[in-house]
Amino acid sequence: MAVDLSPWMTRLEARHLANLQFSEVSRALRALSSAYVERRQTALAAHRVLDGTGKRAAFALYYGPLHFLATAHVLEAILPGWPGPDSAEWPVLDLGCGTGAAGAAAALATRAPSVLGLDTLPWALDQARETYTTFGLNGTVTRGSAARIRPPRRPALIVLSYVVNELPEAERSELRQSLMHAVRLGSHALILEPLARSAAPWWPEWVRAFAPLGARADEWKLTVTPPPLVCRLGEAAGLTSTRVNLRTLMVGGSRG
């Protein structure tokens, strides 16, 4: 799926670089990367991963586009052989939507009639709303927890991009049960997570739990071509922006 990200990046730059210098965002990106990799448990527990405008800008400008590209690539590879949704009828439910990048990519890949973003953070919902609009999608947002979703009233493609790993164990277990119920009612779910086992030690358990429901688990080591600003930020922060390693779980296709 070839999508021009230029209009989106232009709006992201205008939004996040209006009051921040490039050097401030690159420093924040280094801190954000450290929080995800080296201080994951303490940072997530303290809700400090995105605790400032610099980190939020870094997340939107760097990780957002990479999540979009990764989601687009995965769906392009999976959907042709997958008993997936009828794109003329299935909406996308973007749980823990963040900036809306993954949900937008999924909606474009499946030509979904609508996309609904759900997140607990008001700033994320505001950004997701703008992302959906920029891509010309029929998008809405609402505040709420991914772990406490109710199954959609009609079949949907439920997307969870780098969300499950950030939940406490009790909420993760609650979410798994909700997703299994939604799949049994006819929905599909696409879960994207980091490839590093330390970020998702619960992954094998989820793969086993969803196997009877027609789950497909994959590992990906992608080479992508990000927008120029993403490359510049990655270089300044010492990150490799042209490589995205992730694991995915596509669930659905069975009413078991």
Protein backbone atom coordinates (compact mmCIF):
# COMPACT_ATOMS: atom_id res chain seq x y z
CA MET A 1 0.00 0.00 0.00
CA ALA A 2 1.66 3.18 -1.19
CA VAL A 3 0.40 6.18 0.76
CA ASP A 4 1.82 9.69 0.57
CA LEU A 5 2.71 10.64 4.14
CA SER A 6 3.81 14.17 3.22
CA PRO A 7 0.57 15.98 4.16
CA TRP A 8 0.48 14.17 7.49
CA MET A 9 4.13 14.91 8.23
CA THR A 10 3.63 18.57 7.32
CA ARG A 11 0.82 18.86 9.84
CA LEU A 12 2.80 16.97 12.46
CA GLU A 13 5.76 19.29 12.02
CA ALA A 14 3.58 22.37 12.20
CA ARG A 15 1.93 21.06 15.35
CA HIS A 16 4.94 19.77 17.28
CA LEU A 17 7.81 21.95 16.09
CA ALA A 18 5.98 25.24 16.52
CA ASN A 19 7.34 25.68 20.05
CA LEU A 20 10.15 23.11 20.14
CA GLN A 21 13.55 23.03 18.48
CA PHE A 22 14.68 19.96 16.55
CA SER A 23 17.43 19.42 19.14
CA GLU A 24 14.86 19.38 21.96
CA VAL A 25 12.79 16.74 20.19
CA SER A 26 15.84 14.59 19.41
CA ARG A 27 16.89 14.71 23.08
CA ALA A 28 13.37 13.78 24.09
CA LEU A 29 13.47 10.89 21.61
CA ARG A 30 16.63 9.54 23.25
CA ALA A 31 14.93 9.75 26.64
CA LEU A 32 11.80 8.10 25.24
CA SER A 33 13.80 5.26 23.70
CA SER A 34 15.63 4.75 27.01
CA ALA A 35 12.34 4.62 28.88
CA TYR A 36 10.96 1.97 26.52
CA VAL A 37 14.11 -0.17 26.43
CA GLU A 38 16.09 0.34 29.65
CA ARG A 39 13.52 1.58 32.17
CA ARG A 40 10.36 -0.01 30.79
CA GLN A 41 8.87 -1.44 33.97
CA THR A 42 9.49 1.56 36.22
CA ALA A 43 8.55 4.12 33.57
CA LEU A 44 5.30 2.37 32.65
CA ALA A 45 4.35 1.81 36.27
CA ALA A 46 4.89 5.49 37.05
CA HIS A 47 3.04 6.61 33.89
CA ARG A 48 6.06 8.72 32.93
CA VAL A 49 6.83 7.44 29.43
CA LEU A 50 5.10 10.38 27.74
CA ASP A 51 5.24 12.91 30.55
CA GLY A 52 6.19 16.02 28.62
CA THR A 53 5.65 17.92 25.39
CA GLY A 54 9.08 16.93 24.11
CA LYS A 55 8.44 13.20 24.51
CA ARG A 56 4.98 13.51 23.02
CA ALA A 57 6.40 15.34 20.04
CA ALA A 58 9.10 12.69 19.66
CA PHE A 59 6.53 9.92 19.82
CA ALA A 60 4.28 11.58 17.23
CA LEU A 61 7.07 12.57 14.84
CA TYR A 62 9.19 9.42 15.06
CA TYR A 63 7.28 6.40 16.32
CA GLY A 64 3.95 7.37 14.76
CA PRO A 65 5.17 7.20 11.14
CA LEU A 66 7.08 3.97 11.83
CA HIS A 67 3.96 2.38 13.33
CA PHE A 68 1.99 3.47 10.28
CA LEU A 69 4.52 1.91 7.89
CA ALA A 70 4.77 -1.30 9.91
CA THR A 71 1.00 -1.75 10.10
CA ALA A 72 0.61 -1.07 6.37
CA HIS A 73 3.31 -3.60 5.51
CA VAL A 74 1.87 -6.30 7.77
CA LEU A 75 -1.65 -5.93 6.42
CA GLU A 76 -0.45 -5.87 2.82
CA ALA A 77 1.30 -9.19 3.47
CA ILE A 78 -1.46 -10.85 5.51
CA LEU A 79 -4.77 -9.77 4.01
CA PRO A 80 -4.56 -11.48 0.59
CA GLY A 81 -4.50 -14.92 2.20
CA TRP A 82 -6.57 -14.11 5.25
CA PRO A 83 -10.29 -14.73 5.69
CA GLY A 84 -10.55 -11.12 6.70
CA PRO A 85 -13.25 -8.47 6.74
CA ASP A 86 -15.38 -7.30 3.88
CA SER A 87 -13.80 -3.86 3.48
CA ALA A 88 -17.09 -2.33 2.40
CA GLU A 89 -18.69 -3.15 5.74
CA TRP A 90 -16.11 -3.54 8.52
CA PRO A 91 -15.08 -0.52 10.60
CA VAL A 92 -11.68 -0.31 12.33
CA LEU A 93 -11.56 -0.07 16.12
CA ASP A 94 -8.19 1.46 17.06
CA LEU A 95 -7.64 0.53 20.73
CA GLY A 96 -5.06 2.53 22.64
CA CYS A 97 -4.89 4.58 19.46
CA GLY A 98 -2.10 6.95 20.47
CA THR A 99 -1.60 9.27 17.50
CA GLY A 100 -3.93 7.15 15.36
CA ALA A 101 -1.13 5.97 13.07
CA ALA A 102 -1.85 2.23 13.12
CA GLY A 103 -5.62 2.69 12.95
CA ALA A 104 -5.28 4.99 9.96
CA ALA A 105 -3.00 2.53 8.18
CA ALA A 106 -5.44 -0.31 8.85
CA ALA A 107 -8.44 1.71 7.67
CA LEU A 108 -6.66 2.65 4.45
CA ALA A 109 -5.43 -0.90 3.83
CA THR A 110 -8.91 -2.39 4.23
CA ARG A 111 -10.83 0.59 2.79
CA ALA A 112 -12.84 0.63 5.99
CA PRO A 113 -15.95 2.80 6.13
CA SER A 114 -14.89 4.30 9.46
CA VAL A 115 -12.30 4.21 12.23
CA LEU A 116 -12.87 4.77 15.94
CA GLY A 117 -9.89 5.64 18.13
CA LEU A 118 -9.97 4.83 21.83
CA ASP A 119 -7.38 6.07 24.34
CA THR A 120 -7.16 7.28 27.91
CA LEU A 121 -5.04 10.35 27.08
CA PRO A 122 -6.78 13.50 25.82
CA TRP A 123 -3.68 14.69 23.90
CA ALA A 124 -3.55 11.34 22.07
CA LEU A 125 -7.20 11.56 21.10
CA ASP A 126 -6.69 15.06 19.77
CA GLN A 127 -3.75 13.87 17.69
CA ALA A 128 -5.59 10.78 16.45
CA ARG A 129 -8.54 12.89 15.35
CA GLU A 130 -6.18 15.03 13.29
CA THR A 131 -4.47 11.95 11.83
CA TYR A 132 -7.75 10.43 10.65
CA THR A 133 -8.81 13.76 9.14
CA THR A 134 -5.52 14.24 7.31
CA PHE A 135 -5.88 10.86 5.62
CA GLY A 136 -9.46 11.61 4.62
CA LEU A 137 -10.94 8.95 6.88
CA ASN A 138 -14.33 8.93 8.55
CA GLY A 139 -12.80 8.94 12.00
CA THR A 140 -14.02 9.59 15.52
CA VAL A 141 -12.34 9.33 18.91
CA THR A 142 -13.52 8.57 22.41
CA ARG A 143 -11.85 8.38 25.78
CA GLY A 144 -11.63 4.99 27.43
CA SER A 145 -9.46 2.05 28.42
CA ALA A 146 -8.53 -0.62 25.91
CA ALA A 147 -8.79 -3.21 28.67
CA ARG A 148 -12.46 -2.45 29.27
CA ILE A 149 -13.87 -2.50 25.77
CA ARG A 150 -17.24 -3.90 24.98
CA PRO A 151 -17.39 -6.16 21.92
CA PRO A 152 -18.45 -4.18 18.84
CA ARG A 153 -22.14 -4.43 17.97
CA ARG A 154 -21.17 -5.58 14.50
CA PRO A 155 -17.97 -7.26 13.22
CA ALA A 156 -14.95 -4.97 13.15
CA LEU A 157 -11.21 -5.10 12.64
CA ILE A 158 -9.78 -4.39 16.10
CA VAL A 159 -6.25 -2.99 16.03
CA LEU A 160 -3.95 -2.87 19.06
CA SER A 161 -0.60 -1.32 18.17
CA TYR A 162 2.07 -1.55 20.90
CA VAL A 163 -0.64 -1.33 23.54
CA VAL A 164 -0.93 -4.70 25.24
CA ASN A 165 2.65 -4.65 26.55
CA GLU A 166 1.97 -1.42 28.43
CA LEU A 167 -0.96 -2.75 30.44
CA PRO A 168 -0.74 -4.13 33.98
CA GLU A 169 -1.20 -7.89 34.12
CA ALA A 170 -4.77 -7.72 35.46
CA GLU A 171 -5.89 -5.37 32.68
CA ARG A 172 -4.04 -7.43 30.06
CA SER A 173 -5.93 -10.53 31.18
CA GLU A 174 -9.23 -8.63 31.07
CA LEU A 175 -8.45 -7.40 27.58
CA ARG A 176 -7.64 -10.90 26.35
CA GLN A 177 -11.02 -12.16 27.49
CA SER A 178 -12.79 -9.23 25.84
CA LEU A 179 -10.94 -9.81 22.56
CA MET A 180 -11.74 -13.52 22.59
CA HIS A 181 -15.42 -12.69 23.08
CA ALA A 182 -15.33 -10.15 20.24
CA VAL A 183 -13.69 -12.65 17.89
CA ARG A 184 -16.26 -15.30 18.74
CA LEU A 185 -18.92 -12.75 17.77
CA GLY A 186 -17.29 -12.32 14.36
CA SER A 187 -14.66 -9.58 14.70
CA HIS A 188 -10.98 -9.90 13.84
CA ALA A 189 -8.09 -8.50 15.88
CA LEU A 190 -4.60 -7.43 14.82
CA ILE A 191 -2.11 -7.12 17.68
CA LEU A 192 1.31 -5.55 17.04
CA GLU A 193 4.09 -5.68 19.63
CA PRO A 194 7.87 -5.24 19.82
CA LEU A 195 9.91 -8.26 18.78
CA ALA A 196 12.03 -8.13 21.94
CA ARG A 197 10.90 -10.86 24.31
CA SER A 198 11.57 -8.66 27.32
CA ALA A 199 8.78 -6.33 26.17
CA ALA A 200 6.19 -9.09 25.80
CA PRO A 201 6.98 -12.11 28.00
CA TRP A 202 3.26 -12.91 27.96
CA TRP A 203 3.22 -13.39 24.16
CA PRO A 204 3.44 -17.24 24.02
CA GLU A 205 0.48 -17.47 26.38
CA TRP A 206 -1.59 -15.24 24.12
CA VAL A 207 -0.64 -17.21 21.01
CA ARG A 208 -1.77 -20.44 22.69
CA ALA A 209 -4.99 -18.86 23.97
CA PHE A 210 -6.01 -17.50 20.58
CA ALA A 211 -4.93 -20.52 18.51
CA PRO A 212 -8.39 -22.18 18.67
CA LEU A 213 -9.88 -18.98 17.25
CA GLY A 214 -7.83 -19.13 14.06
CA ALA A 215 -4.86 -17.03 15.18
CA ARG A 216 -1.85 -16.40 12.98
CA ALA A 217 1.38 -15.37 14.72
CA ASP A 218 4.27 -13.81 12.78
CA GLU A 219 7.62 -12.18 13.41
CA TRP A 220 8.80 -9.38 11.14
CA LYS A 221 12.14 -7.71 10.46
CA LEU A 222 11.13 -4.95 8.09
CA THR A 223 13.17 -2.52 6.04
CA VAL A 224 11.15 0.66 5.59
CA THR A 225 11.62 4.05 3.95
CA PRO A 226 10.49 6.62 6.52
CA PRO A 227 9.88 10.31 5.82
CA PRO A 228 13.04 12.47 5.92
CA LEU A 229 12.27 14.00 9.31
CA VAL A 230 11.97 10.54 10.87
CA CYS A 231 15.40 9.65 9.49
CA ARG A 232 16.92 12.88 10.80
CA LEU A 233 15.46 12.36 14.26
CA GLY A 234 16.61 8.75 14.32
CA GLU A 235 20.13 9.68 13.32
CA ALA A 236 20.30 12.45 15.93
CA ALA A 237 19.05 10.08 18.63
CA GLY A 238 21.26 7.17 17.61
CA LEU A 239 18.35 5.03 16.40
CA THR A 240 17.97 2.98 13.21
CA SER A 241 14.83 4.35 11.61
CA THR A 242 14.91 2.15 8.51
CA ARG A 243 14.46 -1.10 10.44
CA VAL A 244 11.32 -2.10 12.31
CA ASN A 245 11.25 -5.40 14.18
CA LEU A 246 7.91 -6.54 15.50
CA ARG A 247 5.64 -9.49 16.16
CA THR A 248 1.96 -9.73 15.25
CA LEU A 249 -1.03 -11.81 16.09
CA MET A 250 -3.96 -11.80 13.65
CA VAL A 251 -6.99 -13.40 15.24
CA GLY A 252 -10.22 -14.44 13.58
CA GLY A 253 -11.65 -16.72 10.98
CA SER A 254 -13.15 -19.19 13.43
CA ARG A 255 -16.34 -19.18 15.51
CA GLY A 256 -14.92 -21.72 17.96
